[in-house]
Structures are given as C-alpha cells and as structure tokens.
Amino acid sequence: MSLRPPSKLSLRSQRAFILFPLTLKRLSSSKKWQARQLRDRFTKEAAVQGLKSRAAFKLIQIDAKYRIFRNGQTVVDLGYAPGSWSQVAVSRTQPNGRVLGVDIIPAQPPKGLSTIQGNFLDPNVQAYVQEFLRDPTRGRPHPLDIVSHVGLSPEKGVDRNTTENCKVIEESHRTGRRIVDVVLSDMSAPWYQISGFWRRSLSNPYNRMMNTSGMTFRDHVGSMDLCRAALHFSFEVLKAGGHFVCKFYQGAEDKDLEKQLGGLFQKVHRLKPESSRNESKEAYFIGLARKQDAIRHEVLTPP
C-alpha cells in the first residue's frame, strides 16, 4: 500500500494522510496497554492503597531489600510525575524529612511533596534545585506539623529527640553544599507526540514523556544519558553515606555506567523488581553509601 498522499491535498492534509497509519498503530497499542493494566495485580493494589501508580511497588521492594530511607532525610526525586515514588519517600522519611520532586511535566503532587517544574537537563534548573536545597527550612514540615505527627499537643511542645533532629538538620546545611541523603531517578527520555493534541489534561500534551519508544537501542542510549545526568547531580549534592536509585534500560553501555557508580559508592547493585514487567528492558541501579573521598574524574568520565 502506497503512503504517498494525493497531490491536490493541502500540506496539512498530506501530513495527516502520512501520519494516519502511525496513529492507528498508537491507538492499537493504547488499547492493549489499557487491557493489560486492568489485569495487572500491582495496578489494582496501587488503586486500593491510594498510590499514584504501580511504580511505587518497585521502590518499595528496593527499600525493603537495601534500606534506602529513614526519618529526617532530604530526598530528591528526578522525574517524579505522577508521584508514586515520592509518595513512598514522603511516608518513609516522616515526620521531619523533606522530599523535592523535579519534572518537566506539570502534575498534581502528592501531599507532603515540594515540586519544581522544569527540564532537569537545563543547568539553570539544576542551579535552582540546589538553591532550594540549601535552605534547610524549604520543603520541610513546620514544627507544629511534626508535633502533630508524633502525637504531641502543641501545648506540650516538641520532644527532645525531635528538637535534636532539627538541630542536626540545620547543622548539616551549614557545613557545605552536599546536603541530600537520597537521589532517586525514574526519568525517561522523551519521544514526541503525533496525535491527540485536542485532548486537554493536567499534563501539557506537548511535553508528555512516553516510557519507551519501542526502539531498544534508542531507549537504552537515552536512559544512559539521563542516568549520567543524575550521577553528575548526585556527585554535587549527595552527602557522604547517601544513596542513589536510578532506572535504566539494559544494553551495551550499562556496564560502563556501573563502573562509574562504583567510583562514587561503596556498593552498587542492579535489580529488576518483581513489579517490573517481564518483557520490559528496564532495571535499576542502586548505589549505597557515597564515598567521602570520591574523585571527580574517576566518577564522571565514562570508561
């Protein structure tokens, strides 16, 4: 079947004629995705628990295995939308932790999450993220909120342990720029939308990020670029002993990235969580305990 449009059609109509088969393919894939979601037990469980998406269970499994989170941490969630990873991070760093989500997509953040909308690959956005983090009070619960969470009345005041925790947090911010305990990255490389522009939703249709393009090599290379961007950021902001979790699509370059992570962290693991679909090439690197004396060029220069 020829895809050449009739010559008498307008330029706009010719483009629509060419894109029509691609649109049909996208609609078919969308129906298959919807049917699969309805059968998926993690999707059902996420709805029952009030989680933004089934992806939360991936981070829950990672935390159960490697003990990533604890009370009072500062966590940065890169590519947070729709917010399921942030929900997990918020719940596990309460009462006086803080979680900052960064994403190019506008999204309704879950309760307890601070957000910055912008392209993380833009140096200006990264600079603003670091400026936000340097202020120990931004994005952190108000002392009265902490009192309420631990079950004390405002009249009785904050207990000694909570007060000491707050002092430690403030002191850590005075000592330098490395004030983040955990960096999470669930970012995916974008591929452009070719249909559905008439639909209105919270997410700007021109900025929707699709998880995969269907081209294995492209997905892999795109994920490596994003992982290295997250690694650069982590080198700047992650404190000694801090942790790193990053999604990637498996391929030829992931072993090189694993070596780079080994230069920054005491231990590096790779994991494909149970809730990750069998047919998916996605997996996760977990870097545990940032080294105090990591050398920049050994970490940030690919082998």
C-alpha atoms as a PDB file:
ATOM      1  CA  MET A   1       0.000   0.000   0.000  1.00  0.00           C
ATOM      2  CA  SER A   2       1.436   3.370  -1.034  1.00  0.00           C
ATOM      3  CA  LEU A   3       1.605   6.097   1.599  1.00  0.00           C
ATOM      4  CA  ARG A   4       2.052   8.918  -0.918  1.00  0.00           C
ATOM      5  CA  PRO A   5      -0.785  11.432  -0.403  1.00  0.00           C
ATOM      6  CA  PRO A   6      -2.772  12.787  -3.373  1.00  0.00           C
ATOM      7  CA  SER A   7      -1.060  15.853  -4.806  1.00  0.00           C
ATOM      8  CA  LYS A   8      -4.222  18.005  -4.661  1.00  0.00           C
ATOM      9  CA  LEU A   9      -4.445  17.825  -0.869  1.00  0.00           C
ATOM     10  CA  SER A  10      -3.259  20.749   1.228  1.00  0.00           C
ATOM     11  CA  LEU A  11       0.077  20.426   3.031  1.00  0.00           C
ATOM     12  CA  ARG A  12      -1.768  19.945   6.346  1.00  0.00           C
ATOM     13  CA  SER A  13      -3.946  17.207   4.850  1.00  0.00           C
ATOM     14  CA  GLN A  14      -0.919  15.497   3.308  1.00  0.00           C
ATOM     15  CA  ARG A  15       0.745  15.343   6.715  1.00  0.00           C
ATOM     16  CA  ALA A  16      -2.407  13.890   8.262  1.00  0.00           C
ATOM     17  CA  PHE A  17      -2.553  11.281   5.481  1.00  0.00           C
ATOM     18  CA  ILE A  18       1.033  10.178   6.158  1.00  0.00           C
ATOM     19  CA  LEU A  19       0.597  10.060   9.953  1.00  0.00           C
ATOM     20  CA  PHE A  20      -2.729   8.172   9.806  1.00  0.00           C
ATOM     21  CA  PRO A  21      -1.181   4.642   9.869  1.00  0.00           C
ATOM     22  CA  LEU A  22       1.059   5.676  12.792  1.00  0.00           C
ATOM     23  CA  THR A  23      -1.981   7.000  14.639  1.00  0.00           C
ATOM     24  CA  LEU A  24      -3.818   3.706  14.142  1.00  0.00           C
ATOM     25  CA  LYS A  25      -0.807   1.804  15.472  1.00  0.00           C
ATOM     26  CA  ARG A  26      -0.633   4.104  18.534  1.00  0.00           C
ATOM     27  CA  LEU A  27      -4.365   3.621  19.217  1.00  0.00           C
ATOM     28  CA  SER A  28      -3.965  -0.164  18.976  1.00  0.00           C
ATOM     29  CA  SER A  29      -1.042  -0.088  21.422  1.00  0.00           C
ATOM     30  CA  SER A  30      -3.045   2.127  23.776  1.00  0.00           C
ATOM     31  CA  LYS A  31      -5.938  -0.370  23.864  1.00  0.00           C
ATOM     32  CA  LYS A  32      -3.535  -3.241  24.582  1.00  0.00           C
ATOM     33  CA  TRP A  33      -1.944  -1.200  27.397  1.00  0.00           C
ATOM     34  CA  GLN A  34      -5.334  -0.442  28.932  1.00  0.00           C
ATOM     35  CA  ALA A  35      -6.369  -4.108  28.811  1.00  0.00           C
ATOM     36  CA  ARG A  36      -3.091  -5.158  30.420  1.00  0.00           C
ATOM     37  CA  GLN A  37      -3.475  -2.564  33.174  1.00  0.00           C
ATOM     38  CA  LEU A  38      -6.928  -3.888  34.069  1.00  0.00           C
ATOM     39  CA  ARG A  39      -5.486  -7.383  34.595  1.00  0.00           C
ATOM     40  CA  ASP A  40      -2.389  -6.285  36.498  1.00  0.00           C
ATOM     41  CA  ARG A  41      -2.376  -7.036  40.246  1.00  0.00           C
ATOM     42  CA  PHE A  42       0.062  -4.221  41.070  1.00  0.00           C
ATOM     43  CA  THR A  43      -2.181  -1.701  39.321  1.00  0.00           C
ATOM     44  CA  LYS A  44      -5.155  -2.914  41.339  1.00  0.00           C
ATOM     45  CA  GLU A  45      -3.184  -2.814  44.593  1.00  0.00           C
ATOM     46  CA  ALA A  46      -1.926   0.713  43.856  1.00  0.00           C
ATOM     47  CA  ALA A  47      -5.537   1.868  43.468  1.00  0.00           C
ATOM     48  CA  VAL A  48      -6.515   0.207  46.755  1.00  0.00           C
ATOM     49  CA  GLN A  49      -3.639   1.879  48.631  1.00  0.00           C
ATOM     50  CA  GLY A  50      -4.188   5.299  47.065  1.00  0.00           C
ATOM     51  CA  LEU A  51      -0.851   5.279  45.221  1.00  0.00           C
ATOM     52  CA  LYS A  52      -0.365   7.344  42.085  1.00  0.00           C
ATOM     53  CA  SER A  53       0.823   4.350  40.026  1.00  0.00           C
ATOM     54  CA  ARG A  54       2.050   0.759  40.209  1.00  0.00           C
ATOM     55  CA  ALA A  55       5.652   2.063  40.003  1.00  0.00           C
ATOM     56  CA  ALA A  56       5.516   2.651  43.762  1.00  0.00           C
ATOM     57  CA  PHE A  57       5.953  -1.086  44.346  1.00  0.00           C
ATOM     58  CA  LYS A  58       9.313  -1.035  42.552  1.00  0.00           C
ATOM     59  CA  LEU A  59      10.695   1.454  45.061  1.00  0.00           C
ATOM     60  CA  ILE A  60       9.011  -0.340  47.967  1.00  0.00           C
ATOM     61  CA  GLN A  61      10.825  -3.550  47.004  1.00  0.00           C
ATOM     62  CA  ILE A  62      14.135  -1.716  46.595  1.00  0.00           C
ATOM     63  CA  ASP A  63      13.759  -0.131  50.025  1.00  0.00           C
ATOM     64  CA  ALA A  64      12.802  -3.452  51.628  1.00  0.00           C
ATOM     65  CA  LYS A  65      15.976  -5.034  50.250  1.00  0.00           C
ATOM     66  CA  TYR A  66      18.505  -2.202  50.700  1.00  0.00           C
ATOM     67  CA  ARG A  67      17.055   0.074  53.440  1.00  0.00           C
ATOM     68  CA  ILE A  68      17.271   3.333  51.498  1.00  0.00           C
ATOM     69  CA  PHE A  69      15.075   5.557  53.670  1.00  0.00           C
ATOM     70  CA  ARG A  70      14.964   6.733  57.274  1.00  0.00           C
ATOM     71  CA  ASN A  71      13.365   9.519  59.276  1.00  0.00           C
ATOM     72  CA  GLY A  72      14.509  13.088  58.616  1.00  0.00           C
ATOM     73  CA  GLN A  73      16.219  12.571  55.251  1.00  0.00           C
ATOM     74  CA  THR A  74      16.348  15.026  52.372  1.00  0.00           C
ATOM     75  CA  VAL A  75      15.318  13.225  49.164  1.00  0.00           C
ATOM     76  CA  VAL A  76      15.331  14.464  45.561  1.00  0.00           C
ATOM     77  CA  ASP A  77      13.072  12.600  43.120  1.00  0.00           C
ATOM     78  CA  LEU A  78      14.046  13.286  39.489  1.00  0.00           C
ATOM     79  CA  GLY A  79      11.240  12.630  37.013  1.00  0.00           C
ATOM     80  CA  TYR A  80       8.748  12.356  39.866  1.00  0.00           C
ATOM     81  CA  ALA A  81       5.452  12.604  37.893  1.00  0.00           C
ATOM     82  CA  PRO A  82       2.876  11.312  38.579  1.00  0.00           C
ATOM     83  CA  GLY A  83       4.322  10.995  42.088  1.00  0.00           C
ATOM     84  CA  SER A  84       4.203   7.379  43.257  1.00  0.00           C
ATOM     85  CA  TRP A  85       7.917   7.213  44.172  1.00  0.00           C
ATOM     86  CA  SER A  86       7.572  10.498  46.024  1.00  0.00           C
ATOM     87  CA  GLN A  87       4.635   9.087  47.979  1.00  0.00           C
ATOM     88  CA  VAL A  88       6.860   6.253  49.186  1.00  0.00           C
ATOM     89  CA  ALA A  89       9.719   8.635  50.025  1.00  0.00           C
ATOM     90  CA  VAL A  90       7.445  11.052  51.924  1.00  0.00           C
ATOM     91  CA  SER A  91       5.881   8.275  54.007  1.00  0.00           C
ATOM     92  CA  ARG A  92       9.267   6.780  54.922  1.00  0.00           C
ATOM     93  CA  THR A  93      11.086   9.983  55.855  1.00  0.00           C
ATOM     94  CA  GLN A  94       8.381  11.413  58.146  1.00  0.00           C
ATOM     95  CA  PRO A  95       7.939  13.249  60.404  1.00  0.00           C
ATOM     96  CA  ASN A  96      10.708  15.768  59.675  1.00  0.00           C
ATOM     97  CA  GLY A  97      12.076  14.656  56.327  1.00  0.00           C
ATOM     98  CA  ARG A  98      11.630  16.584  53.093  1.00  0.00           C
ATOM     99  CA  VAL A  99      11.155  15.370  49.534  1.00  0.00           C
ATOM    100  CA  LEU A 100      11.625  17.505  46.425  1.00  0.00           C
ATOM    101  CA  GLY A 101      10.282  16.332  43.059  1.00  0.00           C
ATOM    102  CA  VAL A 102      11.565  17.657  39.727  1.00  0.00           C
ATOM    103  CA  ASP A 103       9.856  17.028  36.392  1.00  0.00           C
ATOM    104  CA  ILE A 104       9.256  18.725  33.062  1.00  0.00           C
ATOM    105  CA  ILE A 105       5.612  17.612  33.231  1.00  0.00           C
ATOM    106  CA  PRO A 106       3.122  19.672  35.254  1.00  0.00           C
ATOM    107  CA  ALA A 107       1.449  17.272  37.675  1.00  0.00           C
ATOM    108  CA  GLN A 108      -0.602  17.356  40.863  1.00  0.00           C
ATOM    109  CA  PRO A 109       1.935  16.463  43.580  1.00  0.00           C
ATOM    110  CA  PRO A 110       1.011  14.117  46.424  1.00  0.00           C
ATOM    111  CA  LYS A 111       0.676  15.519  49.937  1.00  0.00           C
ATOM    112  CA  GLY A 112       3.978  16.383  51.607  1.00  0.00           C
ATOM    113  CA  LEU A 113       5.954  16.812  48.368  1.00  0.00           C
ATOM    114  CA  SER A 114       7.605  20.029  47.166  1.00  0.00           C
ATOM    115  CA  THR A 115       7.983  20.284  43.393  1.00  0.00           C
ATOM    116  CA  ILE A 116       9.892  22.180  40.735  1.00  0.00           C
ATOM    117  CA  GLN A 117       8.632  22.047  37.151  1.00  0.00           C
ATOM    118  CA  GLY A 118      11.416  22.260  34.593  1.00  0.00           C
ATOM    119  CA  ASN A 119      13.783  20.343  32.369  1.00  0.00           C
ATOM    120  CA  PHE A 120      16.334  18.766  34.716  1.00  0.00           C
ATOM    121  CA  LEU A 121      18.938  18.742  31.930  1.00  0.00           C
ATOM    122  CA  ASP A 122      18.896  22.568  31.924  1.00  0.00           C
ATOM    123  CA  PRO A 123      21.788  23.860  34.101  1.00  0.00           C
ATOM    124  CA  ASN A 124      19.599  26.736  35.289  1.00  0.00           C
ATOM    125  CA  VAL A 125      17.018  24.293  36.616  1.00  0.00           C
ATOM    126  CA  GLN A 126      19.714  22.305  38.424  1.00  0.00           C
ATOM    127  CA  ALA A 127      21.073  25.512  39.933  1.00  0.00           C
ATOM    128  CA  TYR A 128      17.596  26.408  41.190  1.00  0.00           C
ATOM    129  CA  VAL A 129      17.178  22.913  42.680  1.00  0.00           C
ATOM    130  CA  GLN A 130      20.449  23.328  44.584  1.00  0.00           C
ATOM    131  CA  GLU A 131      19.404  26.793  45.758  1.00  0.00           C
ATOM    132  CA  PHE A 132      16.137  25.320  47.068  1.00  0.00           C
ATOM    133  CA  LEU A 133      18.002  22.572  48.922  1.00  0.00           C
ATOM    134  CA  ARG A 134      20.480  24.926  50.580  1.00  0.00           C
ATOM    135  CA  ASP A 135      17.703  26.475  52.653  1.00  0.00           C
ATOM    136  CA  PRO A 136      17.089  23.953  55.475  1.00  0.00           C
ATOM    137  CA  THR A 137      13.547  25.191  56.069  1.00  0.00           C
ATOM    138  CA  ARG A 138      12.217  24.980  52.500  1.00  0.00           C
ATOM    139  CA  GLY A 139      10.057  21.955  51.858  1.00  0.00           C
ATOM    140  CA  ARG A 140      10.305  20.753  55.444  1.00  0.00           C
ATOM    141  CA  PRO A 141       7.282  20.336  57.729  1.00  0.00           C
ATOM    142  CA  HIS A 142       6.526  23.174  60.125  1.00  0.00           C
ATOM    143  CA  PRO A 143       7.469  22.302  63.733  1.00  0.00           C
ATOM    144  CA  LEU A 144       3.775  22.181  64.682  1.00  0.00           C
ATOM    145  CA  ASP A 145       3.192  19.637  61.906  1.00  0.00           C
ATOM    146  CA  ILE A 146       5.989  17.487  63.371  1.00  0.00           C
ATOM    147  CA  VAL A 147       4.400  17.752  66.816  1.00  0.00           C
ATOM    148  CA  SER A 148       1.059  16.636  65.408  1.00  0.00           C
ATOM    149  CA  HIS A 149       2.655  13.712  63.539  1.00  0.00           C
ATOM    150  CA  VAL A 150       4.403  12.299  66.625  1.00  0.00           C
ATOM    151  CA  GLY A 151       1.237  12.593  68.674  1.00  0.00           C
ATOM    152  CA  LEU A 152       2.100  15.510  70.943  1.00  0.00           C
ATOM    153  CA  SER A 153      -0.096  18.507  71.603  1.00  0.00           C
ATOM    154  CA  PRO A 154       1.275  21.968  70.674  1.00  0.00           C
ATOM    155  CA  GLU A 155       0.922  22.971  74.337  1.00  0.00           C
ATOM    156  CA  LYS A 156       3.413  20.295  75.402  1.00  0.00           C
ATOM    157  CA  GLY A 157       5.867  21.339  72.724  1.00  0.00           C
ATOM    158  CA  VAL A 158       8.322  19.260  70.706  1.00  0.00           C
ATOM    159  CA  ASP A 159      10.082  16.411  72.479  1.00  0.00           C
ATOM    160  CA  ARG A 160      13.870  16.334  72.946  1.00  0.00           C
ATOM    161  CA  ASN A 161      14.565  13.822  70.162  1.00  0.00           C
ATOM    162  CA  THR A 162      12.666  15.863  67.593  1.00  0.00           C
ATOM    163  CA  THR A 163      14.474  19.034  68.676  1.00  0.00           C
ATOM    164  CA  GLU A 164      17.842  17.321  68.373  1.00  0.00           C
ATOM    165  CA  ASN A 165      16.911  16.046  64.915  1.00  0.00           C
ATOM    166  CA  CYS A 166      16.106  19.579  63.770  1.00  0.00           C
ATOM    167  CA  LYS A 167      19.445  20.848  65.118  1.00  0.00           C
ATOM    168  CA  VAL A 168      21.343  18.144  63.222  1.00  0.00           C
ATOM    169  CA  ILE A 169      19.479  19.030  60.020  1.00  0.00           C
ATOM    170  CA  GLU A 170      20.321  22.734  60.352  1.00  0.00           C
ATOM    171  CA  GLU A 171      23.978  21.997  61.130  1.00  0.00           C
ATOM    172  CA  SER A 172      24.323  19.750  58.070  1.00  0.00           C
ATOM    173  CA  HIS A 173      23.184  22.620  55.859  1.00  0.00           C
ATOM    174  CA  ARG A 174      25.764  24.993  57.298  1.00  0.00           C
ATOM    175  CA  THR A 175      28.672  22.638  56.611  1.00  0.00           C
ATOM    176  CA  GLY A 176      28.505  22.599  52.805  1.00  0.00           C
ATOM    177  CA  ARG A 177      26.536  22.045  49.607  1.00  0.00           C
ATOM    178  CA  ARG A 178      26.250  18.272  49.958  1.00  0.00           C
ATOM    179  CA  ILE A 179      23.069  18.058  51.942  1.00  0.00           C
ATOM    180  CA  VAL A 180      20.997  15.382  50.138  1.00  0.00           C
ATOM    181  CA  ASP A 181      20.587  11.894  51.617  1.00  0.00           C
ATOM    182  CA  VAL A 182      18.925  10.123  48.685  1.00  0.00           C
ATOM    183  CA  VAL A 183      18.710  10.843  44.948  1.00  0.00           C
ATOM    184  CA  LEU A 184      16.021   8.957  43.032  1.00  0.00           C
ATOM    185  CA  SER A 185      15.823   8.987  39.242  1.00  0.00           C
ATOM    186  CA  ASP A 186      12.911   7.451  37.378  1.00  0.00           C
ATOM    187  CA  MET A 187      13.417   9.688  34.343  1.00  0.00           C
ATOM    188  CA  SER A 188      12.662   8.546  30.795  1.00  0.00           C
ATOM    189  CA  ALA A 189      13.887  10.098  27.548  1.00  0.00           C
ATOM    190  CA  PRO A 190      11.082  11.898  25.670  1.00  0.00           C
ATOM    191  CA  TRP A 191       9.680  10.998  22.283  1.00  0.00           C
ATOM    192  CA  TYR A 192       7.281  13.310  20.589  1.00  0.00           C
ATOM    193  CA  GLN A 193       3.523  13.010  20.449  1.00  0.00           C
ATOM    194  CA  ILE A 194       1.992  12.737  16.971  1.00  0.00           C
ATOM    195  CA  SER A 195      -1.699  12.552  17.841  1.00  0.00           C
ATOM    196  CA  GLY A 196      -4.248  13.525  20.477  1.00  0.00           C
ATOM    197  CA  PHE A 197      -3.339  17.215  20.616  1.00  0.00           C
ATOM    198  CA  TRP A 198      -7.025  18.141  21.015  1.00  0.00           C
ATOM    199  CA  ARG A 199      -7.164  16.457  24.419  1.00  0.00           C
ATOM    200  CA  ARG A 200      -6.908  18.668  27.485  1.00  0.00           C
ATOM    201  CA  SER A 201      -5.431  17.363  30.703  1.00  0.00           C
ATOM    202  CA  LEU A 202      -3.213  18.429  33.594  1.00  0.00           C
ATOM    203  CA  SER A 203      -0.172  17.328  31.594  1.00  0.00           C
ATOM    204  CA  ASN A 204       0.699  19.595  28.679  1.00  0.00           C
ATOM    205  CA  PRO A 205       0.313  17.288  25.639  1.00  0.00           C
ATOM    206  CA  TYR A 206       3.415  18.746  24.005  1.00  0.00           C
ATOM    207  CA  ASN A 207       5.529  17.746  26.994  1.00  0.00           C
ATOM    208  CA  ARG A 208       4.202  14.256  27.718  1.00  0.00           C
ATOM    209  CA  MET A 209       7.028  11.812  28.315  1.00  0.00           C
ATOM    210  CA  MET A 210       6.470   8.323  26.946  1.00  0.00           C
ATOM    211  CA  ASN A 211       8.218   5.492  28.816  1.00  0.00           C
ATOM    212  CA  THR A 212       9.656   3.823  25.731  1.00  0.00           C
ATOM    213  CA  SER A 213       9.831   4.474  22.012  1.00  0.00           C
ATOM    214  CA  GLY A 214       9.718   0.797  21.034  1.00  0.00           C
ATOM    215  CA  MET A 215      13.292   1.047  19.685  1.00  0.00           C
ATOM    216  CA  THR A 216      15.564  -0.852  22.082  1.00  0.00           C
ATOM    217  CA  PHE A 217      18.797   0.944  21.196  1.00  0.00           C
ATOM    218  CA  ARG A 218      17.244   4.403  21.403  1.00  0.00           C
ATOM    219  CA  ASP A 219      15.641   3.664  24.775  1.00  0.00           C
ATOM    220  CA  HIS A 220      18.936   2.318  26.122  1.00  0.00           C
ATOM    221  CA  VAL A 221      21.084   5.239  24.952  1.00  0.00           C
ATOM    222  CA  GLY A 222      18.532   7.793  26.155  1.00  0.00           C
ATOM    223  CA  SER A 223      18.420   6.182  29.595  1.00  0.00           C
ATOM    224  CA  MET A 224      22.221   6.173  29.838  1.00  0.00           C
ATOM    225  CA  ASP A 225      22.310   9.920  29.180  1.00  0.00           C
ATOM    226  CA  LEU A 226      19.709  10.553  31.883  1.00  0.00           C
ATOM    227  CA  CYS A 227      21.448   8.250  34.373  1.00  0.00           C
ATOM    228  CA  ARG A 228      24.739  10.072  33.859  1.00  0.00           C
ATOM    229  CA  ALA A 229      22.996  13.427  34.316  1.00  0.00           C
ATOM    230  CA  ALA A 230      21.578  12.124  37.605  1.00  0.00           C
ATOM    231  CA  LEU A 231      25.041  10.851  38.555  1.00  0.00           C
ATOM    232  CA  HIS A 232      26.629  14.271  37.898  1.00  0.00           C
ATOM    233  CA  PHE A 233      23.958  15.872  40.065  1.00  0.00           C
ATOM    234  CA  SER A 234      24.483  13.294  42.814  1.00  0.00           C
ATOM    235  CA  PHE A 235      28.219  13.936  42.856  1.00  0.00           C
ATOM    236  CA  GLU A 236      27.492  17.596  43.622  1.00  0.00           C
ATOM    237  CA  VAL A 237      24.728  17.277  46.227  1.00  0.00           C
ATOM    238  CA  LEU A 238      24.822  13.813  47.800  1.00  0.00           C
ATOM    239  CA  LYS A 239      26.383  13.711  51.252  1.00  0.00           C
ATOM    240  CA  ALA A 240      28.821  11.001  52.378  1.00  0.00           C
ATOM    241  CA  GLY A 241      26.874   7.830  53.133  1.00  0.00           C
ATOM    242  CA  GLY A 242      23.989   8.905  50.860  1.00  0.00           C
ATOM    243  CA  HIS A 243      22.181   6.590  48.442  1.00  0.00           C
ATOM    244  CA  PHE A 244      21.213   6.614  44.760  1.00  0.00           C
ATOM    245  CA  VAL A 245      18.483   4.755  42.838  1.00  0.00           C
ATOM    246  CA  CYS A 246      18.284   5.083  39.063  1.00  0.00           C
ATOM    247  CA  LYS A 247      16.155   3.452  36.383  1.00  0.00           C
ATOM    248  CA  PHE A 248      17.895   2.366  33.178  1.00  0.00           C
ATOM    249  CA  TYR A 249      17.163   0.320  30.096  1.00  0.00           C
ATOM    250  CA  GLN A 250      19.581  -2.544  29.692  1.00  0.00           C
ATOM    251  CA  GLY A 251      22.099  -2.548  26.840  1.00  0.00           C
ATOM    252  CA  ALA A 252      25.733  -2.318  25.820  1.00  0.00           C
ATOM    253  CA  GLU A 253      26.644   0.744  27.906  1.00  0.00           C
ATOM    254  CA  ASP A 254      25.191  -0.195  31.286  1.00  0.00           C
ATOM    255  CA  LYS A 255      28.373  -1.960  32.471  1.00  0.00           C
ATOM    256  CA  ASP A 256      30.346   1.248  31.894  1.00  0.00           C
ATOM    257  CA  LEU A 257      27.809   3.172  33.953  1.00  0.00           C
ATOM    258  CA  GLU A 258      28.051   0.542  36.688  1.00  0.00           C
ATOM    259  CA  LYS A 259      31.833   1.137  36.857  1.00  0.00           C
ATOM    260  CA  GLN A 260      31.258   4.882  37.213  1.00  0.00           C
ATOM    261  CA  LEU A 261      28.809   4.263  40.049  1.00  0.00           C
ATOM    262  CA  GLY A 262      31.446   2.070  41.693  1.00  0.00           C
ATOM    263  CA  GLY A 263      33.713   5.091  41.859  1.00  0.00           C
ATOM    264  CA  LEU A 264      31.165   7.035  43.917  1.00  0.00           C
ATOM    265  CA  PHE A 265      29.502   4.390  46.101  1.00  0.00           C
ATOM    266  CA  GLN A 266      30.744   1.719  48.474  1.00  0.00           C
ATOM    267  CA  LYS A 267      28.370  -0.854  46.968  1.00  0.00           C
ATOM    268  CA  VAL A 268      26.479  -0.952  43.670  1.00  0.00           C
ATOM    269  CA  HIS A 269      23.639  -3.350  42.897  1.00  0.00           C
ATOM    270  CA  ARG A 270      21.406  -3.897  39.903  1.00  0.00           C
ATOM    271  CA  LEU A 271      17.865  -5.134  40.389  1.00  0.00           C
ATOM    272  CA  LYS A 272      14.807  -5.880  38.294  1.00  0.00           C
ATOM    273  CA  PRO A 273      11.929  -5.600  40.787  1.00  0.00           C
ATOM    274  CA  GLU A 274       9.106  -8.123  40.825  1.00  0.00           C
ATOM    275  CA  SER A 275       6.632  -5.433  39.770  1.00  0.00           C
ATOM    276  CA  SER A 276       8.682  -4.598  36.649  1.00  0.00           C
ATOM    277  CA  ARG A 277       7.119  -6.339  33.659  1.00  0.00           C
ATOM    278  CA  ASN A 278       8.982  -9.372  32.323  1.00  0.00           C
ATOM    279  CA  GLU A 279       9.002  -8.074  28.755  1.00  0.00           C
ATOM    280  CA  SER A 280      10.444  -4.713  29.805  1.00  0.00           C
ATOM    281  CA  LYS A 281      14.165  -3.999  29.473  1.00  0.00           C
ATOM    282  CA  GLU A 282      14.094  -1.669  32.478  1.00  0.00           C
ATOM    283  CA  ALA A 283      16.178  -2.353  35.569  1.00  0.00           C
ATOM    284  CA  TYR A 284      17.536  -0.284  38.448  1.00  0.00           C
ATOM    285  CA  PHE A 285      20.979   0.611  39.738  1.00  0.00           C
ATOM    286  CA  ILE A 286      21.215   1.080  43.490  1.00  0.00           C
ATOM    287  CA  GLY A 287      24.281   2.902  44.796  1.00  0.00           C
ATOM    288  CA  LEU A 288      24.742   2.585  48.549  1.00  0.00           C
ATOM    289  CA  ALA A 289      26.840   4.810  50.831  1.00  0.00           C
ATOM    290  CA  ARG A 290      28.542   7.594  48.882  1.00  0.00           C
ATOM    291  CA  LYS A 291      32.306   7.605  49.382  1.00  0.00           C
ATOM    292  CA  GLN A 292      33.733  10.569  51.252  1.00  0.00           C
ATOM    293  CA  ASP A 293      36.853  10.760  49.066  1.00  0.00           C
ATOM    294  CA  ALA A 294      35.392  10.032  45.611  1.00  0.00           C
ATOM    295  CA  ILE A 295      37.485  11.546  42.789  1.00  0.00           C
ATOM    296  CA  ARG A 296      35.540  13.607  40.259  1.00  0.00           C
ATOM    297  CA  HIS A 297      37.204  12.499  37.013  1.00  0.00           C
ATOM    298  CA  GLU A 298      37.080   8.826  38.011  1.00  0.00           C
ATOM    299  CA  VAL A 299      33.349   9.037  38.596  1.00  0.00           C
ATOM    300  CA  LEU A 300      32.178  11.388  35.874  1.00  0.00           C
ATOM    301  CA  THR A 301      34.393  10.316  32.949  1.00  0.00           C
ATOM    302  CA  PRO A 302      32.940   7.298  31.115  1.00  0.00           C
ATOM    303  CA  PRO A 303      35.406   4.346  30.743  1.00  0.00           C
END
